[in-house]
Amino acid sequence: MGEDPELFFPVGTTGPALNDVAAAKRVCGRCPVRRECLMWALGNGQTAGVWGGMGEEERTDLLRRTGSADAARHEALAGTKR
């Protein structure tokens, strides 16, 4: 989509990094492979960056809440249907 990949991997958790996370999520919102991206991140233990519209903490919380990558992918799919 022509976006700078660094946008999806902000450094820090405050100030400008939060702006980058929000910008990355906006890009994800219009991306045609958002679901596939999120499924890949959840299934492959990707802990850094914004993937499929979810930030690091959101993915960690989802995995913790559901108890497994498979369950997390199932729940995420239910929430990202287009």
PDB file of N, CA and C in Angstrom:
ATOM      1  N   MET A   1       0.821  -1.190   0.000  1.00  0.00           N
ATOM      2  CA  MET A   1       0.000   0.000   0.000  1.00  0.00           C
ATOM      3  C   MET A   1       0.866   1.254   0.000  1.00  0.00           C
ATOM      4  N   GLY A   2       2.157   1.091  -0.108  1.00  0.00           N
ATOM      5  CA  GLY A   2       3.033   2.238  -0.187  1.00  0.00           C
ATOM      6  C   GLY A   2       3.316   2.926   1.129  1.00  0.00           C
ATOM      7  N   GLU A   3       3.054   2.286   2.229  1.00  0.00           N
ATOM      8  CA  GLU A   3       3.292   2.884   3.545  1.00  0.00           C
ATOM      9  C   GLU A   3       4.699   2.545   4.019  1.00  0.00           C
ATOM     10  N   ASP A   4       5.253   3.440   4.828  1.00  0.00           N
ATOM     11  CA  ASP A   4       6.557   3.203   5.427  1.00  0.00           C
ATOM     12  C   ASP A   4       6.413   2.101   6.474  1.00  0.00           C
ATOM     13  N   PRO A   5       7.131   0.987   6.332  1.00  0.00           N
ATOM     14  CA  PRO A   5       7.008  -0.109   7.297  1.00  0.00           C
ATOM     15  C   PRO A   5       7.303   0.304   8.738  1.00  0.00           C
ATOM     16  N   GLU A   6       8.130   1.310   8.931  1.00  0.00           N
ATOM     17  CA  GLU A   6       8.454   1.757  10.288  1.00  0.00           C
ATOM     18  C   GLU A   6       7.223   2.290  11.018  1.00  0.00           C
ATOM     19  N   LEU A   7       6.226   2.738  10.273  1.00  0.00           N
ATOM     20  CA  LEU A   7       4.990   3.223  10.883  1.00  0.00           C
ATOM     21  C   LEU A   7       4.354   2.141  11.752  1.00  0.00           C
ATOM     22  N   PHE A   8       4.505   0.892  11.338  1.00  0.00           N
ATOM     23  CA  PHE A   8       3.869  -0.228  12.029  1.00  0.00           C
ATOM     24  C   PHE A   8       4.670  -0.753  13.219  1.00  0.00           C
ATOM     25  N   PHE A   9       5.855  -0.189  13.430  1.00  0.00           N
ATOM     26  CA  PHE A   9       6.725  -0.605  14.531  1.00  0.00           C
ATOM     27  C   PHE A   9       7.234   0.614  15.277  1.00  0.00           C
ATOM     28  N   PRO A  10       6.333   1.347  15.935  1.00  0.00           N
ATOM     29  CA  PRO A  10       6.738   2.563  16.639  1.00  0.00           C
ATOM     30  C   PRO A  10       7.658   2.242  17.818  1.00  0.00           C
ATOM     31  N   VAL A  11       8.540   3.188  18.089  1.00  0.00           N
ATOM     32  CA  VAL A  11       9.461   3.043  19.214  1.00  0.00           C
ATOM     33  C   VAL A  11       8.884   3.811  20.393  1.00  0.00           C
ATOM     34  N   GLY A  12       8.607   3.100  21.475  1.00  0.00           N
ATOM     35  CA  GLY A  12       8.054   3.733  22.661  1.00  0.00           C
ATOM     36  C   GLY A  12       6.582   3.430  22.837  1.00  0.00           C
ATOM     37  N   THR A  13       6.039   3.968  23.930  1.00  0.00           N
ATOM     38  CA  THR A  13       4.632   3.706  24.248  1.00  0.00           C
ATOM     39  C   THR A  13       3.874   4.976  24.612  1.00  0.00           C
ATOM     40  N   THR A  14       4.475   6.133  24.381  1.00  0.00           N
ATOM     41  CA  THR A  14       3.818   7.402  24.691  1.00  0.00           C
ATOM     42  C   THR A  14       4.048   8.387  23.556  1.00  0.00           C
ATOM     43  N   GLY A  15       3.345   9.504  23.629  1.00  0.00           N
ATOM     44  CA  GLY A  15       3.544  10.615  22.701  1.00  0.00           C
ATOM     45  C   GLY A  15       3.505  10.226  21.241  1.00  0.00           C
ATOM     46  N   PRO A  16       4.603  10.500  20.508  1.00  0.00           N
ATOM     47  CA  PRO A  16       4.632  10.231  19.070  1.00  0.00           C
ATOM     48  C   PRO A  16       4.377   8.764  18.723  1.00  0.00           C
ATOM     49  N   ALA A  17       4.798   7.855  19.585  1.00  0.00           N
ATOM     50  CA  ALA A  17       4.571   6.431  19.310  1.00  0.00           C
ATOM     51  C   ALA A  17       3.075   6.122  19.271  1.00  0.00           C
ATOM     52  N   LEU A  18       2.313   6.738  20.151  1.00  0.00           N
ATOM     53  CA  LEU A  18       0.857   6.526  20.147  1.00  0.00           C
ATOM     54  C   LEU A  18       0.234   7.073  18.871  1.00  0.00           C
ATOM     55  N   ASN A  19       0.761   8.185  18.383  1.00  0.00           N
ATOM     56  CA  ASN A  19       0.277   8.741  17.114  1.00  0.00           C
ATOM     57  C   ASN A  19       0.580   7.785  15.966  1.00  0.00           C
ATOM     58  N   ASP A  20       1.770   7.169  15.997  1.00  0.00           N
ATOM     59  CA  ASP A  20       2.134   6.211  14.956  1.00  0.00           C
ATOM     60  C   ASP A  20       1.237   4.977  15.004  1.00  0.00           C
ATOM     61  N   VAL A  21       0.937   4.501  16.198  1.00  0.00           N
ATOM     62  CA  VAL A  21       0.046   3.340  16.340  1.00  0.00           C
ATOM     63  C   VAL A  21      -1.324   3.667  15.752  1.00  0.00           C
ATOM     64  N   ALA A  22      -1.838   4.839  16.072  1.00  0.00           N
ATOM     65  CA  ALA A  22      -3.149   5.244  15.545  1.00  0.00           C
ATOM     66  C   ALA A  22      -3.113   5.349  14.023  1.00  0.00           C
ATOM     67  N   ALA A  23      -2.029   5.901  13.484  1.00  0.00           N
ATOM     68  CA  ALA A  23      -1.894   6.025  12.028  1.00  0.00           C
ATOM     69  C   ALA A  23      -1.800   4.646  11.381  1.00  0.00           C
ATOM     70  N   ALA A  24      -1.052   3.745  11.989  1.00  0.00           N
ATOM     71  CA  ALA A  24      -0.924   2.389  11.451  1.00  0.00           C
ATOM     72  C   ALA A  24      -2.275   1.682  11.449  1.00  0.00           C
ATOM     73  N   LYS A  25      -3.037   1.858  12.509  1.00  0.00           N
ATOM     74  CA  LYS A  25      -4.361   1.233  12.582  1.00  0.00           C
ATOM     75  C   LYS A  25      -5.302   1.792  11.519  1.00  0.00           C
ATOM     76  N   ARG A  26      -5.154   3.077  11.196  1.00  0.00           N
ATOM     77  CA  ARG A  26      -5.979   3.652  10.118  1.00  0.00           C
ATOM     78  C   ARG A  26      -5.631   3.002   8.783  1.00  0.00           C
ATOM     79  N   VAL A  27      -4.337   2.769   8.552  1.00  0.00           N
ATOM     80  CA  VAL A  27      -3.916   2.087   7.329  1.00  0.00           C
ATOM     81  C   VAL A  27      -4.513   0.681   7.310  1.00  0.00           C
ATOM     82  N   CYS A  28      -4.428  -0.011   8.432  1.00  0.00           N
ATOM     83  CA  CYS A  28      -4.983  -1.370   8.522  1.00  0.00           C
ATOM     84  C   CYS A  28      -6.482  -1.376   8.221  1.00  0.00           C
ATOM     85  N   GLY A  29      -7.166  -0.344   8.647  1.00  0.00           N
ATOM     86  CA  GLY A  29      -8.604  -0.266   8.447  1.00  0.00           C
ATOM     87  C   GLY A  29      -9.024  -0.272   6.992  1.00  0.00           C
ATOM     88  N   ARG A  30      -8.136   0.137   6.108  1.00  0.00           N
ATOM     89  CA  ARG A  30      -8.472   0.156   4.682  1.00  0.00           C
ATOM     90  C   ARG A  30      -7.695  -0.894   3.874  1.00  0.00           C
ATOM     91  N   CYS A  31      -6.991  -1.759   4.586  1.00  0.00           N
ATOM     92  CA  CYS A  31      -6.160  -2.764   3.921  1.00  0.00           C
ATOM     93  C   CYS A  31      -6.982  -4.008   3.570  1.00  0.00           C
ATOM     94  N   PRO A  32      -6.871  -4.501   2.334  1.00  0.00           N
ATOM     95  CA  PRO A  32      -7.655  -5.663   1.927  1.00  0.00           C
ATOM     96  C   PRO A  32      -7.186  -6.984   2.551  1.00  0.00           C
ATOM     97  N   VAL A  33      -5.996  -7.026   3.145  1.00  0.00           N
ATOM     98  CA  VAL A  33      -5.501  -8.267   3.757  1.00  0.00           C
ATOM     99  C   VAL A  33      -5.376  -8.141   5.278  1.00  0.00           C
ATOM    100  N   ARG A  34      -6.158  -7.254   5.849  1.00  0.00           N
ATOM    101  CA  ARG A  34      -6.104  -7.021   7.299  1.00  0.00           C
ATOM    102  C   ARG A  34      -6.335  -8.305   8.087  1.00  0.00           C
ATOM    103  N   ARG A  35      -7.354  -9.059   7.738  1.00  0.00           N
ATOM    104  CA  ARG A  35      -7.654 -10.298   8.473  1.00  0.00           C
ATOM    105  C   ARG A  35      -6.506 -11.293   8.376  1.00  0.00           C
ATOM    106  N   GLU A  36      -5.987 -11.486   7.177  1.00  0.00           N
ATOM    107  CA  GLU A  36      -4.892 -12.429   6.977  1.00  0.00           C
ATOM    108  C   GLU A  36      -3.652 -12.000   7.756  1.00  0.00           C
ATOM    109  N   CYS A  37      -3.402 -10.715   7.780  1.00  0.00           N
ATOM    110  CA  CYS A  37      -2.265 -10.164   8.508  1.00  0.00           C
ATOM    111  C   CYS A  37      -2.391 -10.456  10.001  1.00  0.00           C
ATOM    112  N   LEU A  38      -3.556 -10.205  10.553  1.00  0.00           N
ATOM    113  CA  LEU A  38      -3.784 -10.456  11.970  1.00  0.00           C
ATOM    114  C   LEU A  38      -3.682 -11.945  12.282  1.00  0.00           C
ATOM    115  N   MET A  39      -4.250 -12.787  11.424  1.00  0.00           N
ATOM    116  CA  MET A  39      -4.178 -14.229  11.649  1.00  0.00           C
ATOM    117  C   MET A  39      -2.728 -14.703  11.650  1.00  0.00           C
ATOM    118  N   TRP A  40      -1.921 -14.160  10.727  1.00  0.00           N
ATOM    119  CA  TRP A  40      -0.509 -14.535  10.673  1.00  0.00           C
ATOM    120  C   TRP A  40       0.196 -14.120  11.962  1.00  0.00           C
ATOM    121  N   ALA A  41      -0.034 -12.898  12.407  1.00  0.00           N
ATOM    122  CA  ALA A  41       0.627 -12.403  13.617  1.00  0.00           C
ATOM    123  C   ALA A  41       0.252 -13.239  14.833  1.00  0.00           C
ATOM    124  N   LEU A  42      -1.024 -13.571  14.972  1.00  0.00           N
ATOM    125  CA  LEU A  42      -1.472 -14.368  16.113  1.00  0.00           C
ATOM    126  C   LEU A  42      -0.926 -15.794  16.054  1.00  0.00           C
ATOM    127  N   GLY A  43      -0.877 -16.350  14.882  1.00  0.00           N
ATOM    128  CA  GLY A  43      -0.423 -17.729  14.729  1.00  0.00           C
ATOM    129  C   GLY A  43       1.075 -17.915  14.785  1.00  0.00           C
ATOM    130  N   ASN A  44       1.813 -16.822  14.604  1.00  0.00           N
ATOM    131  CA  ASN A  44       3.266 -16.916  14.556  1.00  0.00           C
ATOM    132  C   ASN A  44       3.963 -16.199  15.699  1.00  0.00           C
ATOM    133  N   GLY A  45       3.213 -15.850  16.722  1.00  0.00           N
ATOM    134  CA  GLY A  45       3.819 -15.258  17.912  1.00  0.00           C
ATOM    135  C   GLY A  45       4.433 -13.890  17.704  1.00  0.00           C
ATOM    136  N   GLN A  46       3.904 -13.133  16.774  1.00  0.00           N
ATOM    137  CA  GLN A  46       4.438 -11.793  16.515  1.00  0.00           C
ATOM    138  C   GLN A  46       4.065 -10.882  17.679  1.00  0.00           C
ATOM    139  N   THR A  47       5.056 -10.412  18.395  1.00  0.00           N
ATOM    140  CA  THR A  47       4.794  -9.609  19.587  1.00  0.00           C
ATOM    141  C   THR A  47       5.052  -8.125  19.382  1.00  0.00           C
ATOM    142  N   ALA A  48       5.692  -7.749  18.305  1.00  0.00           N
ATOM    143  CA  ALA A  48       6.027  -6.341  18.088  1.00  0.00           C
ATOM    144  C   ALA A  48       5.177  -5.748  16.974  1.00  0.00           C
ATOM    145  N   GLY A  49       4.839  -4.487  17.126  1.00  0.00           N
ATOM    146  CA  GLY A  49       4.199  -3.748  16.057  1.00  0.00           C
ATOM    147  C   GLY A  49       2.689  -3.880  15.972  1.00  0.00           C
ATOM    148  N   VAL A  50       2.158  -3.223  14.951  1.00  0.00           N
ATOM    149  CA  VAL A  50       0.725  -3.252  14.646  1.00  0.00           C
ATOM    150  C   VAL A  50       0.524  -4.220  13.488  1.00  0.00           C
ATOM    151  N   TRP A  51      -0.339  -5.193  13.705  1.00  0.00           N
ATOM    152  CA  TRP A  51      -0.640  -6.205  12.693  1.00  0.00           C
ATOM    153  C   TRP A  51      -2.151  -6.347  12.586  1.00  0.00           C
ATOM    154  N   GLY A  52      -2.677  -6.221  11.390  1.00  0.00           N
ATOM    155  CA  GLY A  52      -4.107  -6.425  11.187  1.00  0.00           C
ATOM    156  C   GLY A  52      -4.984  -5.520  12.025  1.00  0.00           C
ATOM    157  N   GLY A  53      -4.488  -4.345  12.333  1.00  0.00           N
ATOM    158  CA  GLY A  53      -5.273  -3.380  13.094  1.00  0.00           C
ATOM    159  C   GLY A  53      -5.190  -3.533  14.602  1.00  0.00           C
ATOM    160  N   MET A  54      -4.357  -4.443  15.081  1.00  0.00           N
ATOM    161  CA  MET A  54      -4.198  -4.633  16.528  1.00  0.00           C
ATOM    162  C   MET A  54      -2.764  -4.324  16.941  1.00  0.00           C
ATOM    163  N   GLY A  55      -2.662  -3.587  18.033  1.00  0.00           N
ATOM    164  CA  GLY A  55      -1.357  -3.279  18.589  1.00  0.00           C
ATOM    165  C   GLY A  55      -0.845  -4.413  19.459  1.00  0.00           C
ATOM    166  N   GLU A  56       0.378  -4.229  19.942  1.00  0.00           N
ATOM    167  CA  GLU A  56       1.032  -5.252  20.757  1.00  0.00           C
ATOM    168  C   GLU A  56       0.205  -5.645  21.974  1.00  0.00           C
ATOM    169  N   GLU A  57      -0.240  -4.659  22.728  1.00  0.00           N
ATOM    170  CA  GLU A  57      -0.999  -4.951  23.952  1.00  0.00           C
ATOM    171  C   GLU A  57      -2.332  -5.620  23.643  1.00  0.00           C
ATOM    172  N   GLU A  58      -2.969  -5.199  22.559  1.00  0.00           N
ATOM    173  CA  GLU A  58      -4.257  -5.800  22.191  1.00  0.00           C
ATOM    174  C   GLU A  58      -4.097  -7.277  21.848  1.00  0.00           C
ATOM    175  N   ARG A  59      -3.048  -7.599  21.090  1.00  0.00           N
ATOM    176  CA  ARG A  59      -2.820  -9.008  20.744  1.00  0.00           C
ATOM    177  C   ARG A  59      -2.458  -9.825  21.979  1.00  0.00           C
ATOM    178  N   THR A  60      -1.617  -9.247  22.833  1.00  0.00           N
ATOM    179  CA  THR A  60      -1.238  -9.941  24.068  1.00  0.00           C
ATOM    180  C   THR A  60      -2.463 -10.205  24.932  1.00  0.00           C
ATOM    181  N   ASP A  61      -3.317  -9.200  25.081  1.00  0.00           N
ATOM    182  CA  ASP A  61      -4.542  -9.365  25.870  1.00  0.00           C
ATOM    183  C   ASP A  61      -5.458 -10.425  25.263  1.00  0.00           C
ATOM    184  N   LEU A  62      -5.594 -10.410  23.944  1.00  0.00           N
ATOM    185  CA  LEU A  62      -6.436 -11.391  23.261  1.00  0.00           C
ATOM    186  C   LEU A  62      -5.909 -12.803  23.492  1.00  0.00           C
ATOM    187  N   LEU A  63      -4.609 -12.988  23.349  1.00  0.00           N
ATOM    188  CA  LEU A  63      -4.014 -14.306  23.567  1.00  0.00           C
ATOM    189  C   LEU A  63      -4.177 -14.754  25.017  1.00  0.00           C
ATOM    190  N   ARG A  64      -3.984 -13.844  25.939  1.00  0.00           N
ATOM    191  CA  ARG A  64      -4.119 -14.175  27.361  1.00  0.00           C
ATOM    192  C   ARG A  64      -5.577 -14.541  27.686  1.00  0.00           C
ATOM    193  N   ARG A  65      -6.498 -13.759  27.153  1.00  0.00           N
ATOM    194  CA  ARG A  65      -7.918 -13.972  27.441  1.00  0.00           C
ATOM    195  C   ARG A  65      -8.435 -15.288  26.852  1.00  0.00           C
ATOM    196  N   THR A  66      -7.973 -15.630  25.666  1.00  0.00           N
ATOM    197  CA  THR A  66      -8.493 -16.819  24.993  1.00  0.00           C
ATOM    198  C   THR A  66      -7.711 -18.083  25.330  1.00  0.00           C
ATOM    199  N   GLY A  67      -6.472 -17.937  25.753  1.00  0.00           N
ATOM    200  CA  GLY A  67      -5.690 -19.083  26.192  1.00  0.00           C
ATOM    201  C   GLY A  67      -4.878 -19.798  25.136  1.00  0.00           C
ATOM    202  N   SER A  68      -5.104 -19.506  23.858  1.00  0.00           N
ATOM    203  CA  SER A  68      -4.313 -20.147  22.806  1.00  0.00           C
ATOM    204  C   SER A  68      -4.360 -19.314  21.535  1.00  0.00           C
ATOM    205  N   ALA A  69      -3.372 -19.545  20.679  1.00  0.00           N
ATOM    206  CA  ALA A  69      -3.334 -18.825  19.408  1.00  0.00           C
ATOM    207  C   ALA A  69      -4.533 -19.194  18.542  1.00  0.00           C
ATOM    208  N   ASP A  70      -4.922 -20.479  18.548  1.00  0.00           N
ATOM    209  CA  ASP A  70      -6.081 -20.900  17.749  1.00  0.00           C
ATOM    210  C   ASP A  70      -7.356 -20.204  18.208  1.00  0.00           C
ATOM    211  N   ALA A  71      -7.566 -20.160  19.514  1.00  0.00           N
ATOM    212  CA  ALA A  71      -8.759 -19.499  20.045  1.00  0.00           C
ATOM    213  C   ALA A  71      -8.711 -18.001  19.779  1.00  0.00           C
ATOM    214  N   ALA A  72      -7.527 -17.414  19.860  1.00  0.00           N
ATOM    215  CA  ALA A  72      -7.378 -15.982  19.592  1.00  0.00           C
ATOM    216  C   ALA A  72      -7.701 -15.679  18.135  1.00  0.00           C
ATOM    217  N   ARG A  73      -7.218 -16.536  17.226  1.00  0.00           N
ATOM    218  CA  ARG A  73      -7.519 -16.324  15.803  1.00  0.00           C
ATOM    219  C   ARG A  73      -9.017 -16.450  15.555  1.00  0.00           C
ATOM    220  N   HIS A  74      -9.658 -17.417  16.185  1.00  0.00           N
ATOM    221  CA  HIS A  74     -11.102 -17.601  16.016  1.00  0.00           C
ATOM    222  C   HIS A  74     -11.857 -16.365  16.493  1.00  0.00           C
ATOM    223  N   GLU A  75     -11.507 -15.861  17.674  1.00  0.00           N
ATOM    224  CA  GLU A  75     -12.180 -14.670  18.200  1.00  0.00           C
ATOM    225  C   GLU A  75     -11.893 -13.448  17.330  1.00  0.00           C
ATOM    226  N   ALA A  76     -10.648 -13.320  16.888  1.00  0.00           N
ATOM    227  CA  ALA A  76     -10.287 -12.178  16.045  1.00  0.00           C
ATOM    228  C   ALA A  76     -11.034 -12.230  14.716  1.00  0.00           C
ATOM    229  N   LEU A  77     -11.162 -13.405  14.141  1.00  0.00           N
ATOM    230  CA  LEU A  77     -11.915 -13.547  12.890  1.00  0.00           C
ATOM    231  C   LEU A  77     -13.353 -13.104  13.065  1.00  0.00           C
ATOM    232  N   ALA A  78     -13.936 -13.459  14.179  1.00  0.00           N
ATOM    233  CA  ALA A  78     -15.324 -13.072  14.438  1.00  0.00           C
ATOM    234  C   ALA A  78     -15.462 -11.556  14.516  1.00  0.00           C
ATOM    235  N   GLY A  79     -14.422 -10.886  14.977  1.00  0.00           N
ATOM    236  CA  GLY A  79     -14.471  -9.436  15.125  1.00  0.00           C
ATOM    237  C   GLY A  79     -13.999  -8.657  13.921  1.00  0.00           C
ATOM    238  N   THR A  80     -13.425  -9.338  12.905  1.00  0.00           N
ATOM    239  CA  THR A  80     -12.886  -8.611  11.759  1.00  0.00           C
ATOM    240  C   THR A  80     -13.571  -8.960  10.452  1.00  0.00           C
ATOM    241  N   LYS A  81     -14.707  -9.621  10.524  1.00  0.00           N
ATOM    242  CA  LYS A  81     -15.401  -9.972   9.276  1.00  0.00           C
ATOM    243  C   LYS A  81     -15.789  -8.716   8.530  1.00  0.00           C
ATOM    244  N   ARG A  82     -15.564  -8.758   7.232  1.00  0.00           N
ATOM    245  CA  ARG A  82     -15.888  -7.608   6.379  1.00  0.00           C
ATOM    246  C   ARG A  82     -17.209  -7.828   5.704  1.00  0.00           C
TER     247      ARG A  82
END
